[in-house]
Amino acid sequence: MISAIREVRRARNMTLDDVARACTPPTTPQTIGRLETGTRTVSVAWLNRIAAALGVTAGDLVTLPTRSDLPLAAIIDADGTHAPRRAATIVPPAAAAGLIALSVASGVGDYRAGDEVWCETLAPGDFGRAMNRDVLVPRGAGQFLFGRLIGRDEAQGGGRLHLLPLTPGSRQHVMADPPWLARAVRLVRLL
């Protein structure tokens, strides 16, 4: 296990003093520095305190031997493309609990053949979090609808969803009381 505290702190534009003061309870910048450099052993308790101070999870502060981070080579912004000021890495996407995926076999809407769409499953009480987003909705018998959630009716204790298909000129679909839906959260596209 290699500590990534320094990299995360710098990525957050925080000084040792900023992190030390943000810890609960506060500590000293020297202690944070020792934990970053490995001159003091980083315990799980310290990882949790520092992670909370940095606004990340404790897992973001360690690099495990099996994790394959990508070196950041360039940054594109309004001024053009340039090298990062400090060495940095990008963490590739990793599946989390509650995610499902779609595979795009032929292009439709903004999606191209070969794309993968990762979706977060939501229970009926959370459907509002998917408004104006692309969603997958089960229809039964192995059939699904995939489109933009443009409306939601909650009349008489039930719920109807209004989906706009991705195909131009298609009519909207109305789905009554689906047991779940999955909101698109990540597009994986090979170039």
C-alpha atoms as a PDB file:
ATOM      1  CA  MET A   1       0.000   0.000   0.000  1.00  0.00           C
ATOM      2  CA  ILE A   2       1.392   3.376  -1.050  1.00  0.00           C
ATOM      3  CA  SER A   3      -0.012   6.565   0.450  1.00  0.00           C
ATOM      4  CA  ALA A   4      -1.442   9.054  -2.043  1.00  0.00           C
ATOM      5  CA  ILE A   5      -2.228  11.705   0.565  1.00  0.00           C
ATOM      6  CA  ARG A   6       0.183  14.267  -0.919  1.00  0.00           C
ATOM      7  CA  GLU A   7      -1.172  13.847  -4.463  1.00  0.00           C
ATOM      8  CA  VAL A   8      -4.788  14.209  -3.343  1.00  0.00           C
ATOM      9  CA  ARG A   9      -3.939  17.193  -1.105  1.00  0.00           C
ATOM     10  CA  ARG A  10      -2.159  18.958  -3.966  1.00  0.00           C
ATOM     11  CA  ALA A  11      -4.989  18.130  -6.381  1.00  0.00           C
ATOM     12  CA  ARG A  12      -7.343  19.836  -3.913  1.00  0.00           C
ATOM     13  CA  ASN A  13      -4.999  22.867  -3.738  1.00  0.00           C
ATOM     14  CA  MET A  14      -4.645  22.503   0.024  1.00  0.00           C
ATOM     15  CA  THR A  15      -1.557  23.147   2.135  1.00  0.00           C
ATOM     16  CA  LEU A  16      -0.391  20.925   4.982  1.00  0.00           C
ATOM     17  CA  ASP A  17      -1.797  23.546   7.341  1.00  0.00           C
ATOM     18  CA  ASP A  18      -5.194  23.528   5.552  1.00  0.00           C
ATOM     19  CA  VAL A  19      -5.484  19.756   5.984  1.00  0.00           C
ATOM     20  CA  ALA A  20      -4.269  19.855   9.588  1.00  0.00           C
ATOM     21  CA  ARG A  21      -6.892  22.471  10.505  1.00  0.00           C
ATOM     22  CA  ALA A  22      -9.667  20.602   8.612  1.00  0.00           C
ATOM     23  CA  CYS A  23      -9.014  17.371  10.542  1.00  0.00           C
ATOM     24  CA  THR A  24     -11.369  16.528  13.403  1.00  0.00           C
ATOM     25  CA  PRO A  25      -9.867  17.060  15.906  1.00  0.00           C
ATOM     26  CA  PRO A  26      -7.309  19.429  14.356  1.00  0.00           C
ATOM     27  CA  THR A  27      -3.669  18.344  14.207  1.00  0.00           C
ATOM     28  CA  THR A  28      -0.366  19.897  13.154  1.00  0.00           C
ATOM     29  CA  PRO A  29       0.991  20.417   9.620  1.00  0.00           C
ATOM     30  CA  GLN A  30       4.109  18.476  10.679  1.00  0.00           C
ATOM     31  CA  THR A  31       1.996  15.421  11.493  1.00  0.00           C
ATOM     32  CA  ILE A  32       0.281  15.557   8.098  1.00  0.00           C
ATOM     33  CA  GLY A  33       3.712  15.914   6.448  1.00  0.00           C
ATOM     34  CA  ARG A  34       5.058  12.869   8.291  1.00  0.00           C
ATOM     35  CA  LEU A  35       2.012  10.824   7.291  1.00  0.00           C
ATOM     36  CA  GLU A  36       2.455  11.899   3.643  1.00  0.00           C
ATOM     37  CA  THR A  37       6.133  10.984   3.492  1.00  0.00           C
ATOM     38  CA  GLY A  38       5.782   7.727   5.396  1.00  0.00           C
ATOM     39  CA  THR A  39       8.001   8.752   8.302  1.00  0.00           C
ATOM     40  CA  ARG A  40       4.943   8.087  10.468  1.00  0.00           C
ATOM     41  CA  THR A  41       2.745   5.016   9.972  1.00  0.00           C
ATOM     42  CA  VAL A  42      -0.649   5.790   8.474  1.00  0.00           C
ATOM     43  CA  SER A  43      -3.322   3.946  10.437  1.00  0.00           C
ATOM     44  CA  VAL A  44      -6.901   3.426   9.278  1.00  0.00           C
ATOM     45  CA  ALA A  45      -8.024   6.039  11.818  1.00  0.00           C
ATOM     46  CA  TRP A  46      -5.594   8.595  10.320  1.00  0.00           C
ATOM     47  CA  LEU A  47      -6.697   7.722   6.787  1.00  0.00           C
ATOM     48  CA  ASN A  48     -10.324   8.324   7.758  1.00  0.00           C
ATOM     49  CA  ARG A  49      -9.516  11.666   9.458  1.00  0.00           C
ATOM     50  CA  ILE A  50      -7.458  12.933   6.531  1.00  0.00           C
ATOM     51  CA  ALA A  51      -9.974  11.672   3.966  1.00  0.00           C
ATOM     52  CA  ALA A  52     -12.757  13.587   5.730  1.00  0.00           C
ATOM     53  CA  ALA A  53     -10.586  16.722   5.808  1.00  0.00           C
ATOM     54  CA  LEU A  54      -9.886  16.400   2.069  1.00  0.00           C
ATOM     55  CA  GLY A  55     -13.489  15.514   1.175  1.00  0.00           C
ATOM     56  CA  VAL A  56     -12.630  12.101  -0.315  1.00  0.00           C
ATOM     57  CA  THR A  57     -12.922   8.467   0.736  1.00  0.00           C
ATOM     58  CA  ALA A  58     -10.104   6.705   2.566  1.00  0.00           C
ATOM     59  CA  GLY A  59      -9.658   4.452  -0.485  1.00  0.00           C
ATOM     60  CA  ASP A  60      -8.760   7.530  -2.550  1.00  0.00           C
ATOM     61  CA  LEU A  61      -5.740   8.075  -0.304  1.00  0.00           C
ATOM     62  CA  VAL A  62      -4.040   4.762  -0.966  1.00  0.00           C
ATOM     63  CA  THR A  63      -2.686   3.160  -4.090  1.00  0.00           C
ATOM     64  CA  LEU A  64      -2.955  -0.584  -4.016  1.00  0.00           C
ATOM     65  CA  PRO A  65      -0.588  -2.675  -6.125  1.00  0.00           C
ATOM     66  CA  THR A  66      -3.472  -3.947  -8.291  1.00  0.00           C
ATOM     67  CA  ARG A  67      -4.885  -0.468  -9.024  1.00  0.00           C
ATOM     68  CA  SER A  68      -3.720   0.818 -12.394  1.00  0.00           C
ATOM     69  CA  ASP A  69      -3.800   4.600 -12.359  1.00  0.00           C
ATOM     70  CA  LEU A  70      -3.034   6.436 -15.606  1.00  0.00           C
ATOM     71  CA  PRO A  71      -0.342   9.128 -15.666  1.00  0.00           C
ATOM     72  CA  LEU A  72      -1.798  12.536 -16.558  1.00  0.00           C
ATOM     73  CA  ALA A  73       0.131  13.772 -19.612  1.00  0.00           C
ATOM     74  CA  ALA A  74      -1.736  16.964 -20.541  1.00  0.00           C
ATOM     75  CA  ILE A  75      -4.554  19.296 -19.589  1.00  0.00           C
ATOM     76  CA  ILE A  76      -6.877  20.959 -22.096  1.00  0.00           C
ATOM     77  CA  ASP A  77      -8.386  24.285 -21.057  1.00  0.00           C
ATOM     78  CA  ALA A  78      -9.313  27.675 -22.553  1.00  0.00           C
ATOM     79  CA  ASP A  79      -5.599  28.476 -23.015  1.00  0.00           C
ATOM     80  CA  GLY A  80      -4.908  25.334 -25.059  1.00  0.00           C
ATOM     81  CA  THR A  81      -3.215  22.050 -24.237  1.00  0.00           C
ATOM     82  CA  HIS A  82      -0.360  22.019 -21.736  1.00  0.00           C
ATOM     83  CA  ALA A  83       1.500  19.764 -19.319  1.00  0.00           C
ATOM     84  CA  PRO A  84       0.248  19.596 -15.720  1.00  0.00           C
ATOM     85  CA  ARG A  85       2.191  21.718 -13.224  1.00  0.00           C
ATOM     86  CA  ARG A  86       2.721  18.689 -10.986  1.00  0.00           C
ATOM     87  CA  ALA A  87       2.841  14.977 -11.655  1.00  0.00           C
ATOM     88  CA  ALA A  88      -0.660  13.558 -11.376  1.00  0.00           C
ATOM     89  CA  THR A  89      -2.629  10.457 -12.204  1.00  0.00           C
ATOM     90  CA  ILE A  90      -6.156   9.663 -13.309  1.00  0.00           C
ATOM     91  CA  VAL A  91      -8.016   6.769 -11.713  1.00  0.00           C
ATOM     92  CA  PRO A  92      -9.822   4.664 -14.348  1.00  0.00           C
ATOM     93  CA  PRO A  93     -13.534   4.073 -13.759  1.00  0.00           C
ATOM     94  CA  ALA A  94     -14.406   1.214 -11.452  1.00  0.00           C
ATOM     95  CA  ALA A  95     -17.780  -0.457 -11.047  1.00  0.00           C
ATOM     96  CA  ALA A  96     -19.646   0.332  -7.851  1.00  0.00           C
ATOM     97  CA  ALA A  97     -22.555  -1.411  -6.165  1.00  0.00           C
ATOM     98  CA  GLY A  98     -25.897  -0.753  -7.839  1.00  0.00           C
ATOM     99  CA  LEU A  99     -24.479  -0.154 -11.328  1.00  0.00           C
ATOM    100  CA  ILE A 100     -25.625  -1.968 -14.450  1.00  0.00           C
ATOM    101  CA  ALA A 101     -24.446  -1.490 -18.031  1.00  0.00           C
ATOM    102  CA  LEU A 102     -25.854  -1.170 -21.539  1.00  0.00           C
ATOM    103  CA  SER A 103     -24.004  -2.067 -24.700  1.00  0.00           C
ATOM    104  CA  VAL A 104     -24.763  -0.049 -27.842  1.00  0.00           C
ATOM    105  CA  ALA A 105     -24.825  -2.341 -30.898  1.00  0.00           C
ATOM    106  CA  SER A 106     -25.771   0.359 -33.431  1.00  0.00           C
ATOM    107  CA  GLY A 107     -25.696   4.137 -33.135  1.00  0.00           C
ATOM    108  CA  VAL A 108     -28.787   5.920 -31.844  1.00  0.00           C
ATOM    109  CA  GLY A 109     -29.083   9.485 -30.581  1.00  0.00           C
ATOM    110  CA  ASP A 110     -25.801  10.600 -29.008  1.00  0.00           C
ATOM    111  CA  TYR A 111     -24.587   7.005 -28.664  1.00  0.00           C
ATOM    112  CA  ARG A 112     -22.283   5.214 -31.124  1.00  0.00           C
ATOM    113  CA  ALA A 113     -21.879   1.521 -31.880  1.00  0.00           C
ATOM    114  CA  GLY A 114     -19.435   0.056 -29.368  1.00  0.00           C
ATOM    115  CA  ASP A 115     -20.334   2.486 -26.559  1.00  0.00           C
ATOM    116  CA  GLU A 116     -21.011   1.199 -23.073  1.00  0.00           C
ATOM    117  CA  VAL A 117     -23.372   3.121 -20.820  1.00  0.00           C
ATOM    118  CA  TRP A 118     -23.068   2.600 -17.071  1.00  0.00           C
ATOM    119  CA  CYS A 119     -26.292   3.210 -15.173  1.00  0.00           C
ATOM    120  CA  GLU A 120     -27.134   3.660 -11.498  1.00  0.00           C
ATOM    121  CA  THR A 121     -30.264   1.768 -10.433  1.00  0.00           C
ATOM    122  CA  LEU A 122     -32.855   3.822  -8.570  1.00  0.00           C
ATOM    123  CA  ALA A 123     -35.916   2.812  -6.529  1.00  0.00           C
ATOM    124  CA  PRO A 124     -39.260   4.573  -7.231  1.00  0.00           C
ATOM    125  CA  GLY A 125     -38.725   7.070  -4.412  1.00  0.00           C
ATOM    126  CA  ASP A 126     -35.566   8.321  -6.137  1.00  0.00           C
ATOM    127  CA  PHE A 127     -36.902   8.638  -9.699  1.00  0.00           C
ATOM    128  CA  GLY A 128     -36.830  12.444  -9.392  1.00  0.00           C
ATOM    129  CA  ARG A 129     -33.012  12.273  -9.435  1.00  0.00           C
ATOM    130  CA  ALA A 130     -33.209  11.024 -13.024  1.00  0.00           C
ATOM    131  CA  MET A 131     -35.236  13.876 -14.543  1.00  0.00           C
ATOM    132  CA  ASN A 132     -33.859  15.073 -17.904  1.00  0.00           C
ATOM    133  CA  ARG A 133     -31.359  12.199 -17.960  1.00  0.00           C
ATOM    134  CA  ASP A 134     -31.177   9.092 -20.124  1.00  0.00           C
ATOM    135  CA  VAL A 135     -32.698   6.124 -18.295  1.00  0.00           C
ATOM    136  CA  LEU A 136     -33.287   2.410 -18.753  1.00  0.00           C
ATOM    137  CA  VAL A 137     -36.743   1.237 -17.643  1.00  0.00           C
ATOM    138  CA  PRO A 138     -37.843  -2.431 -17.464  1.00  0.00           C
ATOM    139  CA  ARG A 139     -41.050  -3.309 -19.352  1.00  0.00           C
ATOM    140  CA  GLY A 140     -41.224  -6.995 -18.420  1.00  0.00           C
ATOM    141  CA  ALA A 141     -40.573 -10.189 -20.375  1.00  0.00           C
ATOM    142  CA  GLY A 142     -36.961  -9.126 -20.982  1.00  0.00           C
ATOM    143  CA  GLN A 143     -37.947  -5.867 -22.711  1.00  0.00           C
ATOM    144  CA  PHE A 144     -36.735  -2.376 -21.782  1.00  0.00           C
ATOM    145  CA  LEU A 145     -37.201   1.250 -22.748  1.00  0.00           C
ATOM    146  CA  PHE A 146     -34.187   3.546 -23.026  1.00  0.00           C
ATOM    147  CA  GLY A 147     -34.675   7.263 -23.444  1.00  0.00           C
ATOM    148  CA  ARG A 148     -34.698  10.673 -21.807  1.00  0.00           C
ATOM    149  CA  LEU A 149     -36.941  10.950 -18.708  1.00  0.00           C
ATOM    150  CA  ILE A 150     -38.912  14.136 -19.443  1.00  0.00           C
ATOM    151  CA  GLY A 151     -41.837  13.847 -17.041  1.00  0.00           C
ATOM    152  CA  ARG A 152     -43.196  12.089 -14.006  1.00  0.00           C
ATOM    153  CA  ASP A 153     -46.803  11.852 -12.728  1.00  0.00           C
ATOM    154  CA  GLU A 154     -47.540  10.615  -9.229  1.00  0.00           C
ATOM    155  CA  ALA A 155     -51.317  10.423  -9.321  1.00  0.00           C
ATOM    156  CA  GLN A 156     -53.299   8.094  -7.009  1.00  0.00           C
ATOM    157  CA  GLY A 157     -50.277   6.628  -5.266  1.00  0.00           C
ATOM    158  CA  GLY A 158     -48.716   5.263  -8.440  1.00  0.00           C
ATOM    159  CA  GLY A 159     -46.303   6.810 -10.849  1.00  0.00           C
ATOM    160  CA  ARG A 160     -46.107   7.251 -14.594  1.00  0.00           C
ATOM    161  CA  LEU A 161     -42.887   8.063 -16.364  1.00  0.00           C
ATOM    162  CA  HIS A 162     -42.703   9.941 -19.662  1.00  0.00           C
ATOM    163  CA  LEU A 163     -39.735   8.927 -21.802  1.00  0.00           C
ATOM    164  CA  LEU A 164     -38.592  10.542 -25.020  1.00  0.00           C
ATOM    165  CA  PRO A 165     -36.917   7.916 -27.247  1.00  0.00           C
ATOM    166  CA  LEU A 166     -33.475   8.679 -28.656  1.00  0.00           C
ATOM    167  CA  THR A 167     -34.592   8.119 -32.263  1.00  0.00           C
ATOM    168  CA  PRO A 168     -35.592  11.410 -33.984  1.00  0.00           C
ATOM    169  CA  GLY A 169     -39.298  11.654 -34.786  1.00  0.00           C
ATOM    170  CA  SER A 170     -40.317   8.950 -32.291  1.00  0.00           C
ATOM    171  CA  ARG A 171     -43.301   9.471 -30.019  1.00  0.00           C
ATOM    172  CA  GLN A 172     -42.938   9.631 -26.276  1.00  0.00           C
ATOM    173  CA  HIS A 173     -43.517   6.470 -24.222  1.00  0.00           C
ATOM    174  CA  VAL A 174     -45.432   6.384 -20.951  1.00  0.00           C
ATOM    175  CA  MET A 175     -44.505   3.701 -18.432  1.00  0.00           C
ATOM    176  CA  ALA A 176     -46.742   3.059 -15.420  1.00  0.00           C
ATOM    177  CA  ASP A 177     -45.245   2.090 -12.056  1.00  0.00           C
ATOM    178  CA  PRO A 178     -41.901   0.517 -13.017  1.00  0.00           C
ATOM    179  CA  PRO A 179     -40.251  -1.278 -10.078  1.00  0.00           C
ATOM    180  CA  TRP A 180     -36.920   0.506 -10.782  1.00  0.00           C
ATOM    181  CA  LEU A 181     -35.094   2.529 -13.364  1.00  0.00           C
ATOM    182  CA  ALA A 182     -31.425   3.014 -14.129  1.00  0.00           C
ATOM    183  CA  ARG A 183     -30.016   6.513 -14.731  1.00  0.00           C
ATOM    184  CA  ALA A 184     -27.081   6.830 -17.142  1.00  0.00           C
ATOM    185  CA  VAL A 185     -24.040   8.061 -15.181  1.00  0.00           C
ATOM    186  CA  ARG A 186     -20.980   7.176 -17.301  1.00  0.00           C
ATOM    187  CA  LEU A 187     -20.260   6.752 -20.986  1.00  0.00           C
ATOM    188  CA  VAL A 188     -17.363   4.476 -21.917  1.00  0.00           C
ATOM    189  CA  ARG A 189     -16.320   5.041 -25.526  1.00  0.00           C
ATOM    190  CA  LEU A 190     -13.356   3.652 -27.388  1.00  0.00           C
ATOM    191  CA  LEU A 191     -11.868   6.092 -29.870  1.00  0.00           C
END
